[in-house]
Amino acid sequence: MQLSHGPRRISVRFDDPNLVSCTGLVAVSAVSALAERAGLPALLSRLTVPTAHAANKLLAIVLGMVAGADSITDLDVLRHGGMRRVFTEVRAPSTLGTFLRSFTFGHVRQLDAVAARLLVALTRRAPLLTDAQRLAYLDLDDTLRQTHGYAKQGAGRGYTGVSGLNVLLATISTPTSAASAPLIAAARLRRGPANSIRGAARLLGDALALARRAGARGMLVVRADSAFYAEQIVSAARRGGARFSLTARQTPAISRAIAGIDPAAWTPPPGPRSTTARRSGTSRPAGGCPTPRSPRSSTPRSPDTTAPSASPPG
């Protein structure tokens, strides 16, 4: 079949004034009210962005992202149908795009401060980090998000081979809050080819300080993969009063060190699982870790001395 006319630009719009096109946005408005009670508008009003109504524009961007927008053009979703009866102070995508382009890195750091203060305020009003005063985890990781277009600023091929932007994230969670999503404590958008560890120590320090303010006053454990196996990450964790669990790279030196561990140098880990293998009738620990050598001597410590893999600063 052949069309009798040429293609034209088609624009589709949800225009029923009594309906919203995204299911669940009415519930999101309740979340927006919680953020308002936590002081988000007041925090945003302190920004020094050289534009009027900065707080309203930022809230419109956040709500548009909640509605599924992943580009400036998609923010027009808030102006469809009955959206204006759910949300107020909605702006056109072109206005919001111009607003974002006026941001400098200093303004981004101001937003980091706003996000940190908002998270602390929310944890005081909702059970987001249950039992954090006993044990909390802070996970450090990065991810590569694919972008399209040759003119995308900062885009490049990262460790996955995909062209995009690199995002460094630090999230907070607790064992008893497994049913809820981890809380984003800090985030940094970087160039696609950026090394995973670039800027990670500073971001980790900020995230640890925020975790303490958010209620993680007990044991705090930093977890990261081998991309963050470096002295600067260990030092940042120690300065923040946290323990750490880092995946070590399998280098020749580490392989030789593991092969040279005396089998009698293994000790059981602390806790209820540090029991002997009674079923086998032996006194060998059911599991454990090698006792590290003293930094001042090549003589290994006594086998009955428990040595955790990561200890808090002394």
Protein backbone atom coordinates (compact mmCIF):
# COMPACT_ATOMS: atom_id res chain seq x y z
CA MET A 1 0.00 0.00 0.00
CA GLN A 2 1.25 3.49 -0.83
CA LEU A 3 0.25 6.62 1.05
CA SER A 4 -1.29 9.35 -1.06
CA HIS A 5 0.35 12.15 0.92
CA GLY A 6 3.73 12.89 2.41
CA PRO A 7 4.50 12.42 6.13
CA ARG A 8 3.98 15.37 8.42
CA ARG A 9 5.16 16.10 11.93
CA ILE A 10 2.72 14.52 14.38
CA SER A 11 2.27 15.75 17.94
CA VAL A 12 0.42 13.56 20.46
CA ARG A 13 -0.99 15.21 23.57
CA PHE A 14 -2.99 13.88 26.51
CA ASP A 15 -5.54 16.66 26.94
CA ASP A 16 -8.37 15.31 29.10
CA PRO A 17 -8.70 17.96 31.85
CA ASN A 18 -10.05 15.46 34.40
CA LEU A 19 -7.41 12.71 34.05
CA VAL A 20 -3.66 12.37 34.49
CA SER A 21 -1.61 10.35 32.04
CA CYS A 22 0.73 8.77 34.64
CA THR A 23 -0.71 6.36 37.19
CA GLY A 24 0.31 7.07 40.78
CA LEU A 25 1.14 10.75 40.48
CA VAL A 26 -1.55 11.68 42.98
CA ALA A 27 0.35 9.61 45.53
CA VAL A 28 3.53 11.40 44.49
CA SER A 29 1.88 14.67 45.40
CA ALA A 30 1.64 13.34 48.96
CA VAL A 31 5.38 12.64 48.88
CA SER A 32 5.87 16.19 47.65
CA ALA A 33 3.92 17.39 50.68
CA LEU A 34 6.25 15.38 52.95
CA ALA A 35 9.25 17.05 51.31
CA GLU A 36 7.61 20.41 51.90
CA ARG A 37 7.15 19.61 55.59
CA ALA A 38 10.82 18.60 55.70
CA GLY A 39 11.73 22.10 54.53
CA LEU A 40 12.69 21.49 50.90
CA PRO A 41 11.24 24.77 49.51
CA ALA A 42 13.06 26.77 52.16
CA LEU A 43 16.32 24.97 51.39
CA LEU A 44 15.96 25.57 47.65
CA SER A 45 15.21 29.24 48.20
CA ARG A 46 18.79 29.71 49.46
CA LEU A 47 20.33 28.82 46.10
CA THR A 48 22.25 31.59 44.41
CA VAL A 49 21.21 30.66 40.87
CA PRO A 50 20.73 33.93 38.92
CA THR A 51 17.10 33.33 37.99
CA ALA A 52 13.66 33.94 39.47
CA HIS A 53 11.56 31.20 41.06
CA ALA A 54 14.48 28.74 41.23
CA ALA A 55 12.79 26.60 43.90
CA ASN A 56 9.62 26.12 41.84
CA LYS A 57 11.61 25.23 38.73
CA LEU A 58 13.71 22.65 40.56
CA LEU A 59 10.60 21.07 42.08
CA ALA A 60 9.06 20.86 38.60
CA ILE A 61 12.16 19.06 37.32
CA VAL A 62 12.12 16.58 40.20
CA LEU A 63 8.42 15.83 39.78
CA GLY A 64 8.90 15.44 36.02
CA MET A 65 11.62 12.87 36.65
CA VAL A 66 9.31 11.02 39.02
CA ALA A 67 6.74 10.96 36.21
CA GLY A 68 9.29 9.23 33.97
CA ALA A 69 10.95 12.13 32.14
CA ASP A 70 14.55 11.39 31.16
CA SER A 71 15.14 14.44 28.98
CA ILE A 72 14.27 18.13 28.97
CA THR A 73 11.57 17.61 26.33
CA ASP A 74 9.93 14.88 28.41
CA LEU A 75 9.31 17.37 31.22
CA ASP A 76 6.30 18.48 29.22
CA VAL A 77 4.50 15.51 30.77
CA LEU A 78 3.56 17.77 33.69
CA ARG A 79 1.49 20.00 31.39
CA HIS A 80 -0.76 17.25 30.00
CA GLY A 81 -4.34 16.60 30.98
CA GLY A 82 -5.25 17.30 34.58
CA MET A 83 -1.67 17.65 35.81
CA ARG A 84 -2.19 21.28 36.78
CA ARG A 85 -4.85 20.14 39.25
CA VAL A 86 -2.25 17.88 40.92
CA PHE A 87 0.85 20.08 40.72
CA THR A 88 1.20 23.85 40.69
CA GLU A 89 3.93 26.16 39.36
CA VAL A 90 4.58 23.94 36.32
CA ARG A 91 7.02 25.38 33.74
CA ALA A 92 7.57 24.72 30.05
CA PRO A 93 10.48 22.39 29.14
CA SER A 94 12.30 25.19 27.31
CA THR A 95 12.17 27.33 30.46
CA LEU A 96 13.49 24.49 32.61
CA GLY A 97 16.26 23.73 30.10
CA THR A 98 17.45 27.34 30.09
CA PHE A 99 17.36 27.29 33.89
CA LEU A 100 19.56 24.18 34.11
CA ARG A 101 22.09 25.56 31.65
CA SER A 102 22.70 28.49 34.00
CA PHE A 103 24.14 26.13 36.65
CA THR A 104 27.83 26.12 37.51
CA PHE A 105 29.70 23.49 39.54
CA GLY A 106 29.28 25.73 42.56
CA HIS A 107 25.51 25.56 42.15
CA VAL A 108 25.76 21.78 41.89
CA ARG A 109 27.58 21.69 45.21
CA GLN A 110 24.81 23.85 46.68
CA LEU A 111 22.31 21.24 45.49
CA ASP A 112 24.43 18.56 47.18
CA ALA A 113 24.06 20.45 50.44
CA VAL A 114 20.31 20.78 49.93
CA ALA A 115 19.97 17.05 49.26
CA ALA A 116 22.01 16.20 52.37
CA ARG A 117 19.92 18.42 54.66
CA LEU A 118 16.70 17.13 53.15
CA LEU A 119 17.76 13.51 53.73
CA VAL A 120 18.53 14.22 57.37
CA ALA A 121 15.15 15.92 57.80
CA LEU A 122 13.31 13.03 56.12
CA THR A 123 14.95 10.37 58.32
CA ARG A 124 13.59 12.24 61.33
CA ARG A 125 10.05 12.09 59.94
CA ALA A 126 9.94 8.62 58.38
CA PRO A 127 11.51 5.21 59.22
CA LEU A 128 13.93 5.22 56.28
CA LEU A 129 16.93 3.81 58.19
CA THR A 130 15.53 1.50 60.84
CA ASP A 131 18.05 0.25 63.41
CA ALA A 132 20.77 2.47 61.93
CA GLN A 133 22.05 3.24 65.42
CA ARG A 134 23.21 -0.39 65.61
CA LEU A 135 24.55 -1.18 62.10
CA ALA A 136 24.46 0.57 58.72
CA TYR A 137 26.11 0.01 55.36
CA LEU A 138 27.49 2.61 53.00
CA ASP A 139 27.99 1.21 49.49
CA LEU A 140 30.29 2.95 47.01
CA ASP A 141 29.98 2.19 43.31
CA ASP A 142 29.86 3.79 39.88
CA THR A 143 27.82 3.10 36.79
CA LEU A 144 27.89 4.15 33.15
CA ARG A 145 24.68 5.54 31.66
CA GLN A 146 24.44 5.44 27.88
CA THR A 147 23.91 8.69 26.00
CA HIS A 148 23.20 9.41 22.35
CA GLY A 149 24.51 12.11 20.05
CA TYR A 150 28.05 13.13 19.15
CA ALA A 151 27.75 16.56 20.78
CA LYS A 152 26.85 15.31 24.26
CA GLN A 153 29.19 17.11 26.65
CA GLY A 154 31.43 14.77 28.65
CA ALA A 155 30.23 11.60 26.95
CA GLY A 156 32.79 8.91 26.15
CA ARG A 157 33.45 5.20 26.26
CA GLY A 158 33.99 3.86 29.75
CA TYR A 159 34.89 0.46 31.17
CA THR A 160 31.76 -1.17 29.70
CA GLY A 161 32.60 -0.08 26.16
CA VAL A 162 29.36 1.92 25.96
CA SER A 163 29.45 5.63 25.19
CA GLY A 164 27.89 7.62 28.00
CA LEU A 165 28.39 9.46 31.29
CA ASN A 166 29.82 8.01 34.49
CA VAL A 167 27.87 8.35 37.75
CA LEU A 168 29.55 7.82 41.13
CA LEU A 169 27.12 6.90 43.92
CA ALA A 170 27.20 6.35 47.67
CA THR A 171 24.09 4.76 49.21
CA ILE A 172 23.07 4.08 52.81
CA SER A 173 21.10 1.04 53.98
CA THR A 174 20.61 -1.16 57.04
CA PRO A 175 19.98 -4.91 57.40
CA THR A 176 16.47 -4.28 58.75
CA SER A 177 15.51 -1.84 55.97
CA ALA A 178 16.08 -4.39 53.19
CA ALA A 179 12.46 -4.02 52.02
CA SER A 180 13.03 -0.35 51.16
CA ALA A 181 15.37 1.13 48.60
CA PRO A 182 18.80 2.36 49.77
CA LEU A 183 19.10 6.09 50.32
CA ILE A 184 21.39 8.04 47.99
CA ALA A 185 23.82 9.85 50.28
CA ALA A 186 26.01 11.40 47.56
CA ALA A 187 26.26 11.39 43.78
CA ARG A 188 28.62 12.83 41.22
CA LEU A 189 28.22 13.00 37.44
CA ARG A 190 31.53 12.55 35.61
CA ARG A 191 32.94 12.10 32.14
CA GLY A 192 32.32 8.72 30.56
CA PRO A 193 35.99 7.61 30.51
CA ALA A 194 36.56 8.72 34.13
CA ASN A 195 38.43 6.28 36.36
CA SER A 196 36.14 4.75 38.97
CA ILE A 197 38.19 6.02 41.90
CA ARG A 198 38.46 9.62 40.68
CA GLY A 199 36.99 11.87 43.39
CA ALA A 200 35.70 8.83 45.29
CA ALA A 201 37.60 9.56 48.52
CA ARG A 202 36.10 13.04 48.86
CA LEU A 203 32.61 11.81 48.02
CA LEU A 204 33.01 8.98 50.55
CA GLY A 205 33.98 11.45 53.25
CA ASP A 206 30.88 13.56 52.54
CA ALA A 207 28.66 10.47 52.55
CA LEU A 208 30.05 9.19 55.86
CA ALA A 209 29.44 12.54 57.53
CA LEU A 210 25.89 12.56 56.18
CA ALA A 211 25.25 8.99 57.34
CA ARG A 212 26.17 9.98 60.89
CA ARG A 213 23.84 12.97 60.76
CA ALA A 214 21.06 10.75 59.39
CA GLY A 215 21.18 8.48 62.43
CA ALA A 216 23.90 5.90 61.64
CA ARG A 217 25.63 6.32 64.99
CA GLY A 218 26.55 2.67 65.51
CA MET A 219 28.83 0.51 63.42
CA LEU A 220 29.13 1.87 59.88
CA VAL A 221 30.62 -0.40 57.21
CA VAL A 222 31.87 0.88 53.85
CA ARG A 223 31.51 -1.69 51.05
CA ALA A 224 33.09 -1.40 47.60
CA ASP A 225 34.46 -3.58 44.82
CA SER A 226 38.02 -3.86 43.57
CA ALA A 227 37.76 -0.64 41.55
CA PHE A 228 38.02 1.22 44.88
CA TYR A 229 40.80 -0.91 46.37
CA ALA A 230 43.17 1.94 47.23
CA GLU A 231 44.80 3.54 50.25
CA GLN A 232 42.87 6.79 49.83
CA ILE A 233 39.54 4.96 50.21
CA VAL A 234 40.77 3.14 53.32
CA SER A 235 42.00 6.42 54.79
CA ALA A 236 38.66 8.14 54.09
CA ALA A 237 36.80 5.31 55.81
CA ARG A 238 39.08 5.47 58.85
CA ARG A 239 38.74 9.24 59.10
CA GLY A 240 34.96 8.80 59.08
CA GLY A 241 35.12 6.27 61.91
CA ALA A 242 33.88 3.43 59.69
CA ARG A 243 34.95 -0.13 59.05
CA PHE A 244 35.41 -1.26 55.49
CA SER A 245 35.03 -4.29 53.25
CA LEU A 246 36.91 -3.87 49.97
CA THR A 247 37.45 -6.48 47.28
CA ALA A 248 41.19 -6.87 46.77
CA ARG A 249 42.57 -7.13 43.27
CA GLN A 250 44.12 -10.48 42.42
CA THR A 251 47.62 -9.21 41.79
CA PRO A 252 50.71 -11.47 41.77
CA ALA A 253 51.83 -10.03 45.11
CA ILE A 254 48.47 -10.81 46.74
CA SER A 255 48.43 -14.31 45.24
CA ARG A 256 51.88 -14.99 46.68
CA ALA A 257 50.81 -13.63 50.08
CA ILE A 258 47.75 -15.90 50.17
CA ALA A 259 49.78 -18.93 49.14
CA GLY A 260 52.28 -18.22 51.92
CA ILE A 261 49.71 -18.20 54.74
CA ASP A 262 50.28 -20.93 57.29
CA PRO A 263 47.12 -23.10 57.61
CA ALA A 264 47.43 -22.82 61.40
CA ALA A 265 47.21 -19.02 61.16
CA TRP A 266 43.46 -19.02 60.45
CA THR A 267 41.22 -17.75 63.24
CA PRO A 268 37.42 -17.86 63.54
CA PRO A 269 35.55 -14.60 62.90
CA PRO A 270 33.82 -12.96 65.86
CA GLY A 271 30.15 -13.70 66.38
CA PRO A 272 27.85 -16.72 66.69
CA ARG A 273 29.42 -18.48 63.68
CA SER A 274 32.89 -18.64 65.21
CA THR A 275 32.49 -22.27 66.24
CA THR A 276 34.59 -25.34 65.66
CA ALA A 277 33.66 -28.00 63.18
CA ARG A 278 32.13 -30.34 65.75
CA ARG A 279 30.56 -32.58 63.12
CA SER A 280 33.97 -33.53 61.74
CA GLY A 281 35.31 -34.19 65.21
CA THR A 282 38.18 -31.73 64.78
CA SER A 283 39.03 -28.45 66.43
CA ARG A 284 39.68 -26.63 63.15
CA PRO A 285 37.57 -23.46 62.80
CA ALA A 286 34.54 -23.75 60.54
CA GLY A 287 35.53 -20.51 58.87
CA GLY A 288 37.74 -17.54 59.45
CA CYS A 289 40.40 -15.23 58.21
CA PRO A 290 44.18 -15.37 58.27
CA THR A 291 45.85 -13.61 61.15
CA PRO A 292 47.78 -10.67 59.64
CA ARG A 293 51.44 -10.20 60.38
CA SER A 294 52.51 -7.41 62.67
CA PRO A 295 53.57 -4.31 60.76
CA ARG A 296 56.72 -4.13 62.89
CA SER A 297 57.72 -7.77 62.78
CA SER A 298 57.66 -10.65 60.34
CA THR A 299 56.54 -13.01 63.11
CA PRO A 300 52.85 -13.91 62.80
CA ARG A 301 50.54 -13.20 65.69
CA SER A 302 49.30 -15.95 67.94
CA PRO A 303 46.73 -18.16 66.16
CA ASP A 304 44.17 -17.58 68.92
CA THR A 305 44.12 -13.83 68.30
CA THR A 306 41.11 -12.72 66.28
CA ALA A 307 42.03 -10.15 63.63
CA PRO A 308 39.09 -8.63 61.75
CA SER A 309 39.69 -7.79 58.12
CA ALA A 310 38.93 -4.15 58.78
CA SER A 311 39.11 -2.28 62.05
CA PRO A 312 38.06 1.21 63.07
CA PRO A 313 40.69 3.87 63.57
CA GLY A 314 42.56 3.54 66.79
